[in-house]
N, C-alpha and C. Protein backbone atom coordinates (compact mmCIF):
# COMPACT_ATOMS: atom_id res chain seq x y z
N GLY A 1 0.22 41.96 -3.33
CA GLY A 1 0.97 41.63 -2.56
C GLY A 1 1.56 40.21 -2.83
N SER A 2 2.52 40.02 -1.87
CA SER A 2 2.68 38.41 -1.77
C SER A 2 1.62 37.78 -0.70
N MET A 3 1.47 36.46 -1.35
CA MET A 3 0.42 35.70 -0.59
C MET A 3 1.42 34.79 -0.19
N PRO A 4 1.25 33.92 1.15
CA PRO A 4 1.79 32.54 1.67
C PRO A 4 1.48 31.70 0.45
N ILE A 5 2.75 30.57 0.26
CA ILE A 5 2.32 29.77 -0.47
C ILE A 5 1.20 28.47 0.06
N GLY A 6 1.29 28.55 1.40
CA GLY A 6 0.20 27.88 1.67
C GLY A 6 -1.68 28.25 1.60
N GLU A 7 -2.23 29.41 1.36
CA GLU A 7 -2.90 29.92 0.55
C GLU A 7 -3.30 29.29 -1.01
N TYR A 8 -2.51 28.90 -1.35
CA TYR A 8 -2.44 28.14 -2.88
C TYR A 8 -3.77 26.68 -3.08
N SER A 9 -4.41 26.89 -3.38
CA SER A 9 -5.11 25.61 -3.83
C SER A 9 -4.26 24.38 -3.57
N LEU A 10 -3.38 24.51 -4.86
CA LEU A 10 -2.88 23.99 -5.63
C LEU A 10 -2.03 23.23 -4.58
N PHE A 11 -1.41 23.62 -3.67
CA PHE A 11 -0.26 22.93 -2.51
C PHE A 11 -1.16 23.20 -1.43
N LYS A 12 -2.13 23.35 -0.40
CA LYS A 12 -3.01 23.29 0.39
C LYS A 12 -4.09 21.93 -0.27
N ASN A 13 -3.96 21.51 -0.72
CA ASN A 13 -5.17 20.18 -1.18
C ASN A 13 -4.43 19.62 -1.51
N ALA A 14 -2.90 18.96 -1.80
CA ALA A 14 -1.87 18.42 -2.24
C ALA A 14 -1.81 17.70 -0.46
N GLN A 15 -1.35 19.09 0.31
CA GLN A 15 -1.26 18.53 1.60
C GLN A 15 -1.99 18.15 2.81
N ILE A 16 -3.10 18.52 2.28
CA ILE A 16 -4.57 17.98 2.48
C ILE A 16 -4.66 16.40 2.48
N LEU A 17 -4.12 15.97 1.40
CA LEU A 17 -4.49 14.64 1.22
C LEU A 17 -3.04 13.83 1.48
N ASP A 18 -1.81 14.32 1.40
CA ASP A 18 -0.50 14.07 1.72
C ASP A 18 -0.90 13.84 3.40
N ALA A 19 -1.43 14.56 4.05
CA ALA A 19 -1.94 14.06 5.56
C ALA A 19 -2.74 13.47 5.98
N ALA A 20 -3.86 12.91 5.48
CA ALA A 20 -4.87 12.42 5.43
C ALA A 20 -4.40 11.04 5.33
N SER A 21 -3.68 10.93 4.30
CA SER A 21 -3.11 9.41 3.99
C SER A 21 -2.36 9.09 5.00
N VAL A 22 -1.28 9.68 5.35
CA VAL A 22 -0.64 9.45 6.47
C VAL A 22 -0.69 9.02 7.73
N VAL A 23 -2.11 9.52 7.96
CA VAL A 23 -2.70 9.46 9.61
C VAL A 23 -3.53 7.85 9.03
N VAL A 24 -4.18 7.56 7.85
CA VAL A 24 -4.77 6.55 7.57
C VAL A 24 -3.64 5.32 8.11
N PHE A 25 -2.65 5.44 6.67
CA PHE A 25 -1.41 4.50 7.58
C PHE A 25 -0.76 4.27 8.81
N SER A 26 -1.19 5.39 9.64
CA SER A 26 -0.45 5.38 11.07
C SER A 26 -1.66 4.16 12.28
N LEU A 27 -2.79 4.46 11.29
CA LEU A 27 -4.15 4.01 12.21
C LEU A 27 -3.74 2.54 12.05
N TRP A 28 -3.92 2.04 10.28
CA TRP A 28 -3.61 0.63 9.82
C TRP A 28 -2.73 0.64 10.64
N ALA A 29 -1.65 0.71 10.84
CA ALA A 29 -0.35 0.18 11.01
C ALA A 29 -0.57 -0.40 13.22
N ARG A 30 -1.12 0.98 13.45
CA ARG A 30 -1.25 0.52 15.11
C ARG A 30 -2.51 -0.53 15.30
N ALA A 31 -3.67 -0.82 14.02
CA ALA A 31 -4.38 -1.50 14.61
C ALA A 31 -4.19 -2.97 13.99
N LEU A 32 -2.85 -2.87 13.04
CA LEU A 32 -2.09 -3.79 12.79
C LEU A 32 -1.39 -4.74 13.67
N GLN A 33 -1.01 -4.32 14.48
CA GLN A 33 -0.18 -3.96 15.81
C GLN A 33 -0.63 -4.35 16.83
N ALA A 34 -1.91 -3.76 17.02
CA ALA A 34 -2.65 -4.67 18.11
C ALA A 34 -3.50 -5.92 17.80
N ARG A 35 -3.10 -6.72 16.48
CA ARG A 35 -3.68 -7.93 16.13
C ARG A 35 -2.78 -8.62 16.43
N LEU A 36 -1.11 -7.94 16.05
CA LEU A 36 -0.25 -9.07 16.64
C LEU A 36 0.05 -10.07 18.03
N PRO A 37 0.03 -11.06 17.67
CA PRO A 37 0.07 -11.97 19.26
C PRO A 37 1.31 -11.28 20.18
N LYS A 38 1.03 -11.16 21.50
CA LYS A 38 1.54 -10.88 22.27
C LYS A 38 2.52 -11.10 22.40
N SER A 39 2.98 -12.38 22.13
CA SER A 39 3.80 -13.25 22.59
C SER A 39 4.91 -13.48 21.22
N LEU A 40 4.67 -13.09 20.25
CA LEU A 40 5.44 -12.65 19.00
C LEU A 40 6.81 -12.58 19.06
N ASN A 41 7.25 -13.09 19.42
CA ASN A 41 9.15 -12.64 18.95
C ASN A 41 9.63 -12.45 17.73
N MET A 42 11.07 -12.27 18.54
CA MET A 42 11.75 -12.22 16.50
C MET A 42 11.87 -13.83 15.96
N THR A 43 12.34 -14.81 16.66
CA THR A 43 12.46 -16.12 16.24
C THR A 43 10.90 -16.73 15.69
N SER A 44 9.57 -16.22 16.10
CA SER A 44 8.55 -17.22 16.00
C SER A 44 8.50 -17.01 14.41
N LYS A 45 7.80 -18.27 14.16
CA LYS A 45 7.59 -18.16 12.76
C LYS A 45 6.65 -17.40 12.13
N VAL A 46 6.54 -16.97 10.85
CA VAL A 46 5.36 -16.30 10.50
C VAL A 46 4.33 -16.93 10.44
N GLY A 47 4.19 -17.97 9.82
CA GLY A 47 2.70 -19.42 9.94
C GLY A 47 2.25 -19.02 11.19
N VAL A 48 2.56 -18.85 12.10
CA VAL A 48 1.42 -18.14 13.39
C VAL A 48 0.91 -16.95 13.39
N LEU A 49 1.79 -16.59 12.31
CA LEU A 49 0.33 -15.08 12.09
C LEU A 49 -0.60 -15.08 11.38
N GLY A 50 -0.86 -16.28 10.08
CA GLY A 50 -1.68 -16.48 9.53
C GLY A 50 -1.79 -16.01 8.27
N SER A 51 -2.34 -16.13 6.70
CA SER A 51 -1.49 -15.17 5.78
C SER A 51 -2.41 -14.09 5.58
N ASN A 52 -3.56 -14.06 5.87
CA ASN A 52 -4.10 -12.57 6.10
C ASN A 52 -3.31 -11.62 6.85
N LEU A 53 -2.98 -11.74 7.87
CA LEU A 53 -2.59 -10.87 8.46
C LEU A 53 -1.00 -10.26 7.78
N VAL A 54 -0.51 -11.82 7.60
CA VAL A 54 1.08 -11.58 6.72
C VAL A 54 0.45 -11.00 5.54
N ASP A 55 -0.51 -10.63 5.00
CA ASP A 55 -0.16 -10.08 3.24
C ASP A 55 -0.94 -8.68 3.92
N GLU A 56 -1.13 -8.10 4.91
CA GLU A 56 -1.62 -6.71 5.44
C GLU A 56 -0.54 -6.27 5.77
N LEU A 57 0.68 -6.78 6.24
CA LEU A 57 1.62 -6.32 6.80
C LEU A 57 2.29 -5.95 5.84
N ILE A 58 3.03 -6.94 4.78
CA ILE A 58 3.28 -6.88 3.76
C ILE A 58 2.64 -5.41 2.81
N ALA A 59 1.58 -5.81 2.88
CA ALA A 59 0.81 -4.27 1.64
C ALA A 59 1.32 -3.30 2.42
N ILE A 60 1.17 -3.06 4.48
CA ILE A 60 1.17 -1.99 4.23
C ILE A 60 1.98 -1.05 4.32
N LYS A 61 3.14 -2.24 4.29
CA LYS A 61 4.39 -1.83 4.64
C LYS A 61 5.23 -1.57 3.19
N ALA A 62 5.17 -1.77 1.75
CA ALA A 62 4.57 -1.42 0.56
C ALA A 62 4.03 -0.26 -0.05
N LEU A 63 2.68 -0.36 0.34
CA LEU A 63 2.00 0.73 0.41
C LEU A 63 2.09 2.01 0.79
N SER A 64 2.52 2.07 2.36
CA SER A 64 3.29 3.05 2.61
C SER A 64 4.09 3.81 2.94
N THR A 65 5.35 2.65 2.56
CA THR A 65 6.84 3.89 1.92
C THR A 65 6.74 4.40 0.70
N TRP A 66 5.89 3.71 -0.71
CA TRP A 66 5.29 4.04 -1.25
C TRP A 66 5.09 5.54 -1.54
N ARG A 67 3.68 5.97 -0.36
CA ARG A 67 3.47 6.85 -0.32
C ARG A 67 4.27 7.58 0.55
N GLY A 68 5.26 6.89 1.65
CA GLY A 68 5.31 8.17 2.15
C GLY A 68 6.62 9.22 1.26
N GLN A 69 7.21 8.12 0.20
CA GLN A 69 8.45 8.93 -0.61
C GLN A 69 7.73 10.19 -1.46
N ASP A 70 6.71 9.44 -1.88
CA ASP A 70 5.67 10.81 -2.56
C ASP A 70 5.88 12.24 -1.69
N VAL A 71 5.00 11.66 -0.30
CA VAL A 71 5.25 13.10 0.30
C VAL A 71 5.83 13.49 0.78
N LEU A 72 7.09 12.70 0.85
CA LEU A 72 8.58 13.18 1.36
C LEU A 72 9.02 13.83 0.27
N VAL A 73 9.15 14.06 -1.52
CA VAL A 73 9.07 14.69 -2.19
C VAL A 73 8.60 15.45 -2.31
N ARG A 74 7.38 15.70 -2.22
CA ARG A 74 6.41 16.75 -2.23
C ARG A 74 7.00 17.86 -1.42
N CYS A 75 7.36 17.20 -0.11
CA CYS A 75 7.25 18.53 1.11
C CYS A 75 9.25 19.09 0.84
N ARG A 76 10.05 18.27 0.36
CA ARG A 76 11.30 18.67 -0.50
C ARG A 76 11.20 19.61 -1.19
N GLU A 77 10.27 19.17 -2.18
CA GLU A 77 9.93 20.63 -3.50
C GLU A 77 9.35 21.89 -2.80
N ARG A 78 8.82 21.67 -2.60
CA ARG A 78 7.62 22.66 -1.79
C ARG A 78 8.56 23.42 -1.15
N CYS A 79 10.01 23.15 -0.30
CA CYS A 79 11.00 23.92 0.56
C CYS A 79 11.83 24.58 -0.03
N GLY A 80 12.15 24.33 -1.50
CA GLY A 80 12.86 24.77 -2.58
C GLY A 80 14.27 24.17 -1.77
N ALA A 81 15.22 24.76 -2.33
CA ALA A 81 17.05 24.25 -1.64
C ALA A 81 16.37 23.88 -0.20
N GLN A 82 16.15 24.68 0.14
CA GLN A 82 15.91 24.42 1.89
C GLN A 82 15.49 23.11 2.01
N GLY A 83 14.96 22.35 1.20
CA GLY A 83 14.57 21.28 1.76
C GLY A 83 15.36 20.51 1.23
N LEU A 84 16.70 20.58 1.36
CA LEU A 84 18.16 19.64 1.08
C LEU A 84 19.00 19.75 1.94
N PHE A 85 18.93 20.53 2.99
CA PHE A 85 19.21 21.19 4.66
C PHE A 85 19.25 19.83 5.78
N SER A 86 20.20 19.57 5.82
CA SER A 86 19.58 18.68 6.68
C SER A 86 18.90 18.45 8.50
N ASP A 87 18.95 19.78 8.71
CA ASP A 87 18.48 20.52 9.87
C ASP A 87 17.08 20.43 9.66
N ASN A 88 16.61 19.78 8.35
CA ASN A 88 14.87 20.11 8.27
C ASN A 88 14.63 18.90 8.01
N LYS A 89 15.45 17.58 7.97
CA LYS A 89 15.62 16.18 8.32
C LYS A 89 14.50 15.45 7.34
N ILE A 90 14.03 16.16 6.20
CA ILE A 90 13.30 15.96 5.06
C ILE A 90 13.88 15.07 4.32
N ILE A 91 15.35 15.56 3.92
CA ILE A 91 16.06 14.55 3.11
C ILE A 91 16.84 13.52 4.10
N ASP A 92 16.91 13.24 5.53
CA ASP A 92 17.04 12.47 6.29
C ASP A 92 15.92 11.60 6.40
N TYR A 93 14.96 11.71 6.16
CA TYR A 93 13.85 11.07 6.28
C TYR A 93 13.39 9.73 4.75
N PHE A 94 13.98 10.81 3.88
CA PHE A 94 13.80 10.38 2.34
C PHE A 94 14.59 9.30 2.23
N VAL A 95 15.90 9.30 3.12
CA VAL A 95 16.75 8.03 2.89
C VAL A 95 16.90 7.30 3.46
N THR A 96 15.72 7.50 4.89
CA THR A 96 15.67 6.51 5.59
C THR A 96 14.44 5.17 4.74
N ASN A 97 13.42 6.64 4.34
CA ASN A 97 12.34 5.91 3.29
C ASN A 97 12.09 4.79 2.32
N ASN A 98 13.54 5.49 1.51
CA ASN A 98 14.20 5.07 0.27
C ASN A 98 14.80 3.42 0.41
N GLY A 99 15.36 3.28 2.32
CA GLY A 99 15.91 2.03 2.46
C GLY A 99 14.93 1.21 2.52
N THR A 100 13.70 1.71 3.18
CA THR A 100 12.89 1.02 3.61
C THR A 100 11.75 0.23 2.68
N ILE A 101 11.92 1.02 1.97
CA ILE A 101 11.00 0.74 0.22
C ILE A 101 11.89 -1.15 0.00
N THR A 102 13.08 -1.08 0.04
CA THR A 102 13.48 -2.54 -0.63
C THR A 102 14.53 -3.48 0.66
N ALA A 103 13.87 -3.02 1.94
CA ALA A 103 14.15 -3.81 2.98
C ALA A 103 13.29 -4.54 3.05
N GLU A 104 13.86 -5.75 3.58
CA GLU A 104 12.76 -7.04 3.50
C GLU A 104 12.50 -7.19 2.20
N GLY A 105 13.02 -6.98 1.14
CA GLY A 105 11.81 -7.36 -0.48
C GLY A 105 11.74 -6.58 -0.74
N ASP A 106 11.99 -5.79 -2.10
CA ASP A 106 11.55 -4.86 -2.64
C ASP A 106 10.04 -4.98 -2.44
N ASN A 107 9.43 -3.49 -2.65
CA ASN A 107 8.43 -3.84 -2.59
C ASN A 107 7.06 -4.53 -3.55
N GLN A 108 7.58 -4.40 -4.85
CA GLN A 108 6.64 -4.70 -6.09
C GLN A 108 7.14 -6.47 -6.14
N VAL A 109 8.09 -7.02 -5.61
CA VAL A 109 8.41 -7.99 -5.82
C VAL A 109 7.37 -9.04 -4.16
N MET A 110 7.13 -8.26 -3.06
CA MET A 110 6.26 -8.59 -2.17
C MET A 110 4.80 -7.99 -2.44
N LEU A 111 4.58 -7.33 -2.91
CA LEU A 111 3.17 -7.15 -3.72
C LEU A 111 2.44 -7.77 -4.52
N LEU A 112 3.75 -8.69 -5.20
CA LEU A 112 3.22 -9.73 -6.26
C LEU A 112 3.12 -11.23 -5.21
N LYS A 113 3.52 -11.53 -4.69
CA LYS A 113 3.77 -12.16 -3.49
C LYS A 113 2.39 -12.21 -2.65
N VAL A 114 1.65 -10.76 -2.51
CA VAL A 114 0.37 -10.66 -1.59
C VAL A 114 -0.64 -11.07 -3.15
N GLY A 115 -0.21 -10.36 -4.46
CA GLY A 115 -1.68 -10.50 -5.36
C GLY A 115 -1.63 -12.23 -5.47
N GLN A 116 -0.50 -13.05 -5.64
CA GLN A 116 -0.74 -14.60 -6.07
C GLN A 116 -1.80 -15.04 -4.34
N SER A 117 -1.49 -14.75 -3.79
CA SER A 117 -2.45 -14.43 -2.23
C SER A 117 -3.73 -14.81 -2.63
N LEU A 118 -4.21 -13.15 -2.97
CA LEU A 118 -5.17 -12.72 -3.20
C LEU A 118 -6.03 -13.64 -3.99
N ILE A 119 -5.24 -13.55 -5.36
CA ILE A 119 -6.04 -14.33 -6.44
C ILE A 119 -6.54 -15.99 -6.01
N ASP A 120 -5.43 -16.67 -5.26
CA ASP A 120 -5.89 -17.87 -4.94
C ASP A 120 -7.17 -17.95 -3.39
N ASN A 121 -6.72 -17.00 -3.11
CA ASN A 121 -7.69 -17.02 -2.04
C ASN A 121 -8.50 -15.60 -1.87
N PRO A 122 -9.50 -15.20 -2.34
CA PRO A 122 -9.86 -13.79 -2.17
C PRO A 122 -10.33 -13.40 -1.27
N PRO A 123 -9.71 -12.78 -0.12
CA PRO A 123 -10.44 -12.14 0.69
C PRO A 123 -11.92 -11.56 0.96
N ASP A 124 -12.80 -11.49 2.02
CA ASP A 124 -13.72 -11.08 2.32
C ASP A 124 -13.43 -9.38 2.07
N LEU A 125 -14.15 -9.03 1.06
CA LEU A 125 -13.74 -7.00 1.22
C LEU A 125 -14.89 -6.65 2.38
N GLY A 126 -15.82 -7.44 2.21
CA GLY A 126 -17.30 -6.62 3.38
C GLY A 126 -16.92 -6.08 4.13
N LEU A 127 -17.55 -4.74 3.87
CA LEU A 127 -17.60 -3.59 4.83
C LEU A 127 -19.54 -3.95 5.60
N SER A 128 -19.96 -4.94 6.11
CA SER A 128 -21.29 -4.41 6.33
C SER A 128 -21.65 -3.72 7.78
N ALA A 129 -20.88 -3.89 8.07
CA ALA A 129 -21.01 -2.91 9.74
C ALA A 129 -20.97 -1.93 9.35
N HIS A 130 -20.59 -1.15 8.52
CA HIS A 130 -20.63 0.55 7.68
C HIS A 130 -21.27 0.30 6.88
N PRO A 131 -22.29 0.25 6.87
CA PRO A 131 -23.91 0.79 5.50
C PRO A 131 -22.54 1.78 4.59
N VAL A 132 -22.73 2.47 5.29
CA VAL A 132 -21.91 4.07 4.29
C VAL A 132 -20.69 3.79 3.59
N LEU A 133 -19.59 3.65 3.83
CA LEU A 133 -18.61 2.95 3.19
C LEU A 133 -18.87 1.63 2.51
N SER A 134 -19.78 1.02 2.56
CA SER A 134 -19.87 -0.65 2.31
C SER A 134 -20.65 0.27 0.56
N ARG A 135 -21.12 1.26 0.50
CA ARG A 135 -21.97 1.73 -0.19
C ARG A 135 -20.69 2.79 -1.62
N LEU A 136 -20.21 3.64 -0.53
CA LEU A 136 -19.26 3.86 -1.38
C LEU A 136 -17.89 3.62 -2.05
N LEU A 137 -17.93 1.89 -1.39
CA LEU A 137 -16.68 1.23 -2.09
C LEU A 137 -16.98 0.28 -2.36
N ALA A 138 -18.08 -0.11 -2.66
CA ALA A 138 -18.91 -0.99 -3.51
C ALA A 138 -18.64 -1.06 -4.86
N PRO A 139 -18.27 -0.05 -5.74
CA PRO A 139 -17.46 -0.15 -7.24
C PRO A 139 -16.16 -0.70 -7.16
N LEU A 140 -15.44 -0.15 -6.15
CA LEU A 140 -13.75 -0.48 -5.85
C LEU A 140 -14.14 -1.86 -5.38
N LYS A 141 -14.59 -2.94 -4.67
CA LYS A 141 -15.40 -3.93 -4.23
C LYS A 141 -15.31 -4.78 -5.61
N ARG A 142 -16.26 -4.60 -6.62
CA ARG A 142 -16.83 -5.36 -8.12
C ARG A 142 -15.24 -5.26 -8.44
N TYR A 143 -14.96 -4.35 -9.05
CA TYR A 143 -13.56 -3.81 -9.95
C TYR A 143 -12.61 -4.95 -9.08
N PHE A 144 -12.44 -5.36 -7.62
CA PHE A 144 -11.30 -6.08 -7.19
C PHE A 144 -12.02 -7.68 -7.73
N ARG A 145 -12.95 -7.61 -7.09
CA ARG A 145 -13.34 -9.24 -7.99
C ARG A 145 -13.23 -9.48 -9.21
N ILE A 146 -13.62 -8.36 -10.34
CA ILE A 146 -13.34 -8.48 -11.57
C ILE A 146 -12.11 -8.97 -11.88
N GLN A 147 -11.24 -7.73 -11.22
CA GLN A 147 -9.35 -8.47 -11.67
C GLN A 147 -9.27 -9.65 -10.78
N CYS A 148 -9.56 -10.35 -9.85
CA CYS A 148 -9.49 -11.30 -9.42
C CYS A 148 -9.85 -12.66 -10.37
N GLU A 149 -10.81 -12.30 -10.64
CA GLU A 149 -11.51 -13.59 -11.84
C GLU A 149 -10.71 -13.30 -13.40
N ARG A 150 -10.01 -12.18 -13.76
CA ARG A 150 -10.00 -11.88 -14.92
C ARG A 150 -8.56 -12.42 -15.14
N ILE A 151 -8.01 -12.12 -13.72
CA ILE A 151 -6.39 -12.70 -13.82
C ILE A 151 -6.01 -14.14 -13.19
N ASN A 152 -6.89 -14.47 -12.51
CA ASN A 152 -7.00 -15.76 -12.40
C ASN A 152 -7.46 -16.76 -13.99
N GLU A 153 -8.51 -15.91 -14.74
CA GLU A 153 -8.56 -16.88 -16.00
C GLU A 153 -7.32 -17.22 -16.52
N ILE A 154 -6.64 -15.77 -16.65
CA ILE A 154 -5.60 -15.56 -17.54
C ILE A 154 -4.41 -17.04 -17.18
N LEU A 155 -4.19 -16.97 -15.71
CA LEU A 155 -3.44 -17.87 -15.31
C LEU A 155 -3.47 -18.93 -15.66
N CYS A 156 -4.76 -19.89 -14.99
CA CYS A 156 -5.44 -20.53 -15.17
C CYS A 156 -5.51 -21.49 -16.97
N ASN A 157 -5.39 -20.31 -17.29
CA ASN A 157 -5.62 -20.94 -18.95
C ASN A 157 -4.17 -20.96 -19.77
N VAL A 158 -2.96 -21.00 -19.00
CA VAL A 158 -1.88 -20.81 -19.80
C VAL A 158 -0.85 -22.71 -19.20
N VAL A 159 -0.24 -22.71 -20.53
CA VAL A 159 0.31 -24.31 -20.28
C VAL A 159 1.92 -23.87 -19.40
N ASN A 160 2.18 -24.80 -18.55
CA ASN A 160 3.11 -24.18 -17.42
C ASN A 160 4.24 -23.59 -18.17
N GLU A 161 4.95 -24.08 -19.34
CA GLU A 161 6.01 -23.40 -19.57
C GLU A 161 5.88 -21.91 -19.98
N ASP A 162 4.59 -21.75 -19.86
CA ASP A 162 4.15 -20.02 -20.28
C ASP A 162 3.56 -19.16 -19.31
N ARG A 163 3.37 -19.81 -18.14
CA ARG A 163 3.06 -19.33 -16.91
C ARG A 163 3.68 -18.03 -16.33
N PHE A 164 4.92 -18.20 -16.61
CA PHE A 164 5.87 -17.12 -16.11
C PHE A 164 4.85 -15.47 -17.28
N SER A 165 5.23 -15.80 -18.35
CA SER A 165 4.70 -14.67 -19.55
C SER A 165 3.49 -14.41 -18.98
N ALA A 166 2.44 -15.51 -18.97
CA ALA A 166 1.60 -15.21 -18.44
C ALA A 166 1.10 -13.87 -16.86
N TRP A 167 1.88 -14.48 -15.68
CA TRP A 167 2.01 -13.58 -14.81
C TRP A 167 2.79 -12.73 -15.22
N ASN A 168 3.56 -12.39 -15.59
CA ASN A 168 4.69 -11.13 -16.15
C ASN A 168 3.63 -10.59 -16.71
N HIS A 169 2.71 -10.97 -17.72
CA HIS A 169 1.82 -9.92 -18.81
C HIS A 169 0.54 -9.22 -17.26
N CYS A 170 0.55 -9.98 -16.57
CA CYS A 170 -0.47 -9.36 -14.93
C CYS A 170 0.69 -8.00 -13.89
N GLY A 171 1.41 -7.98 -14.39
CA GLY A 171 1.98 -7.89 -12.98
C GLY A 171 0.97 -6.36 -12.45
N ASP A 172 1.43 -5.51 -14.01
CA ASP A 172 0.62 -3.93 -13.17
C ASP A 172 -0.76 -4.23 -12.80
N ASP A 173 -1.83 -5.25 -12.76
CA ASP A 173 -2.66 -5.83 -12.60
C ASP A 173 -3.06 -5.96 -11.23
N ILE A 174 -1.97 -7.12 -11.14
CA ILE A 174 -2.11 -7.24 -9.65
C ILE A 174 -1.44 -6.30 -8.65
N ILE A 175 -0.48 -5.63 -8.94
CA ILE A 175 -0.36 -4.93 -8.21
C ILE A 175 -1.31 -3.73 -7.95
N ARG A 176 -1.68 -3.54 -8.53
CA ARG A 176 -3.16 -2.45 -8.43
C ARG A 176 -4.08 -3.51 -7.67
N LEU A 177 -4.16 -4.86 -7.82
CA LEU A 177 -5.31 -5.26 -6.75
C LEU A 177 -4.69 -5.52 -5.47
N THR A 178 -3.44 -5.33 -5.17
CA THR A 178 -2.69 -5.16 -4.14
C THR A 178 -3.28 -3.60 -3.04
N GLN A 179 -2.86 -2.54 -3.69
CA GLN A 179 -3.13 -1.22 -3.75
C GLN A 179 -5.17 -1.27 -3.11
N ILE A 180 -5.69 -2.11 -3.97
CA ILE A 180 -7.15 -1.89 -3.33
C ILE A 180 -7.51 -2.63 -2.28
N PHE A 181 -6.95 -3.58 -2.22
CA PHE A 181 -6.80 -4.52 -1.56
C PHE A 181 -6.09 -3.58 0.00
N GLY A 182 -5.15 -3.12 -0.18
CA GLY A 182 -4.63 -1.84 1.12
C GLY A 182 -5.64 -0.97 1.28
N VAL A 183 -6.51 -0.61 0.41
CA VAL A 183 -7.55 0.41 0.79
C VAL A 183 -8.76 -0.05 1.56
N PHE A 184 -8.69 -1.38 1.13
CA PHE A 184 -10.11 -2.06 2.17
C PHE A 184 -9.38 -2.32 3.83
N ALA A 185 -8.28 -3.15 3.33
CA ALA A 185 -7.87 -3.25 5.04
C ALA A 185 -7.66 -2.23 5.35
N ALA A 186 -7.28 -1.19 5.29
CA ALA A 186 -7.00 0.58 6.05
C ALA A 186 -8.22 0.78 6.38
């Protein structure tokens, strides 16, 4: 007989991961909003926020919009041709999210900026208040530290004229570094 698509593990597992990641990004965004100074307005300078908060704001914008794009594409595909109908709003969200990816700066460029900040001043990724999370994320924390050291070594051992080549060569690793930072920040 017929089986609802929601019963297929391939569909259900992806949907659970999508829902969980959207919830995590939402909670992270709310936590960041709570950390913003109450007196902050549109004319305030970014410097009053502090570099860690600015790095997190850039990271959540980039990582959540990329993840949102993945979720929206999957939703649209699962709905078949009906996912293209504006009544279902998926396409509207897709277009809006796509614009947000490049608004305020392309995500990759913005994450490279955060990556430079992370390399220059590696953040404390400690989760000492959460021993279970700390043990669970220890390998990722070690990987983050090793990546920072490796990238920093590459960038420090080049002649000024060749810095762009070295930086360009490390681009994917720097983006990966910011993604790891995003996991810890979230």
